[in-house]
C-alpha atoms as a PDB file:
ATOM      1  CA  MET A   1     -74.351-145.064  93.247  1.00  0.00           C
ATOM      2  CA  SER A   2     -72.027-144.615  96.065  1.00  0.00           C
ATOM      3  CA  ALA A   3     -69.294-143.945  94.168  1.00  0.00           C
ATOM      4  CA  LEU A   4     -71.041-141.385  92.609  1.00  0.00           C
ATOM      5  CA  ILE A   5     -72.178-139.277  96.165  1.00  0.00           C
ATOM      6  CA  ILE A   6     -68.540-139.783  97.516  1.00  0.00           C
ATOM      7  CA  GLY A   7     -67.263-138.645  94.198  1.00  0.00           C
ATOM      8  CA  VAL A   8     -69.639-135.696  94.188  1.00  0.00           C
ATOM      9  CA  CYS A   9     -68.767-135.171  98.031  1.00  0.00           C
ATOM     10  CA  ALA A  10     -65.539-135.278  97.008  1.00  0.00           C
ATOM     11  CA  LEU A  11     -65.701-132.617  94.243  1.00  0.00           C
ATOM     12  CA  THR A  12     -67.775-130.566  95.872  1.00  0.00           C
ATOM     13  CA  SER A  13     -65.441-130.301  99.445  1.00  0.00           C
ATOM     14  CA  TYR A  14     -62.482-129.501  96.749  1.00  0.00           C
ATOM     15  CA  ILE A  15     -64.212-126.639  94.948  1.00  0.00           C
ATOM     16  CA  VAL A  16     -64.942-125.544  98.749  1.00  0.00           C
ATOM     17  CA  TRP A  17     -61.365-125.663  99.952  1.00  0.00           C
ATOM     18  CA  GLN A  18     -59.543-124.115  96.822  1.00  0.00           C
ATOM     19  CA  ALA A  19     -62.220-121.003  97.769  1.00  0.00           C
ATOM     20  CA  ILE A  20     -61.294-121.060 101.143  1.00  0.00           C
ATOM     21  CA  GLY A  21     -57.871-121.411  99.835  1.00  0.00           C
ATOM     22  CA  THR A  22     -58.185-118.347  97.643  1.00  0.00           C
ATOM     23  CA  THR A  23     -59.989-116.266 100.267  1.00  0.00           C
ATOM     24  CA  LEU A  24     -57.379-116.746 102.427  1.00  0.00           C
ATOM     25  CA  GLN A  25     -54.724-115.754 100.018  1.00  0.00           C
ATOM     26  CA  GLN A  26     -56.306-112.318  99.041  1.00  0.00           C
ATOM     27  CA  ILE A  27     -56.559-111.932 102.829  1.00  0.00           C
ATOM     28  CA  ILE A  28     -52.786-112.684 103.139  1.00  0.00           C
ATOM     29  CA  LEU A  29     -51.627-110.914 100.026  1.00  0.00           C
ATOM     30  CA  GLY A  30     -54.050-107.939 101.168  1.00  0.00           C
ATOM     31  CA  THR A  31     -52.414-107.973 104.863  1.00  0.00           C
ATOM     32  CA  LEU A  32     -49.017-107.996 103.163  1.00  0.00           C
ATOM     33  CA  ALA A  33     -50.087-105.042 100.873  1.00  0.00           C
ATOM     34  CA  VAL A  34     -51.211-103.160 103.545  1.00  0.00           C
ATOM     35  CA  GLY A  35     -48.286-103.500 105.674  1.00  0.00           C
ATOM     36  CA  PHE A  36     -45.709-103.178 103.010  1.00  0.00           C
ATOM     37  CA  VAL A  37     -47.989 -99.472 102.066  1.00  0.00           C
ATOM     38  CA  TRP A  38     -48.257 -98.915 105.503  1.00  0.00           C
ATOM     39  CA  ASN A  39     -44.481 -99.480 106.895  1.00  0.00           C
ATOM     40  CA  CYS A  40     -42.901 -98.115 103.199  1.00  0.00           C
ATOM     41  CA  VAL A  41     -44.598 -95.877 101.139  1.00  0.00           C
ATOM     42  CA  VAL A  42     -46.581 -93.210 104.417  1.00  0.00           C
ATOM     43  CA  PRO A  43     -42.654 -93.229 106.190  1.00  0.00           C
ATOM     44  CA  VAL A  44     -41.641 -92.190 102.613  1.00  0.00           C
ATOM     45  CA  PHE A  45     -44.384 -89.453 102.383  1.00  0.00           C
ATOM     46  CA  THR A  46     -44.084 -88.669 105.755  1.00  0.00           C
ATOM     47  CA  VAL A  47     -40.328 -87.678 105.963  1.00  0.00           C
ATOM     48  CA  ILE A  48     -41.039 -86.020 102.389  1.00  0.00           C
ATOM     49  CA  ALA A  49     -43.559 -83.519 103.974  1.00  0.00           C
ATOM     50  CA  ILE A  50     -41.606 -82.991 107.065  1.00  0.00           C
ATOM     51  CA  LEU A  51     -38.927 -82.076 104.858  1.00  0.00           C
ATOM     52  CA  THR A  52     -40.882 -79.485 102.405  1.00  0.00           C
ATOM     53  CA  VAL A  53     -42.207 -77.974 105.440  1.00  0.00           C
ATOM     54  CA  ILE A  54     -38.576 -77.528 107.297  1.00  0.00           C
ATOM     55  CA  PHE A  55     -37.310 -76.050 103.972  1.00  0.00           C
ATOM     56  CA  GLY A  56     -40.769 -73.913 103.828  1.00  0.00           C
ATOM     57  CA  ILE A  57     -40.331 -72.720 107.289  1.00  0.00           C
ATOM     58  CA  SER A  58     -36.466 -71.019 106.184  1.00  0.00           C
ATOM     59  CA  TYR A  59     -37.113 -70.322 103.036  1.00  0.00           C
ATOM     60  CA  LEU A  60     -39.831 -68.165 104.296  1.00  0.00           C
ATOM     61  CA  LEU A  61     -37.666 -66.993 107.636  1.00  0.00           C
ATOM     62  CA  ASP A  62     -34.885 -66.093 105.278  1.00  0.00           C
ATOM     63  CA  ARG A  63     -37.080 -63.870 103.386  1.00  0.00           C
ATOM     64  CA  TRP A  64     -38.595 -61.942 105.730  1.00  0.00           C
END
């Protein structure tokens, strides 16, 4: 009987730790994804936007 209780406790503990592990993995992966977007994608779009504004202004000044 005690082996059954220990087995159930071990299984429950294993399931809980697996759930916590996957949650931590998701948090870490989510953080990495946000970091990638923030450090790689946002600066690229910012540079494109700045260049577009600069070329747009110079084009308008040339036309004027």
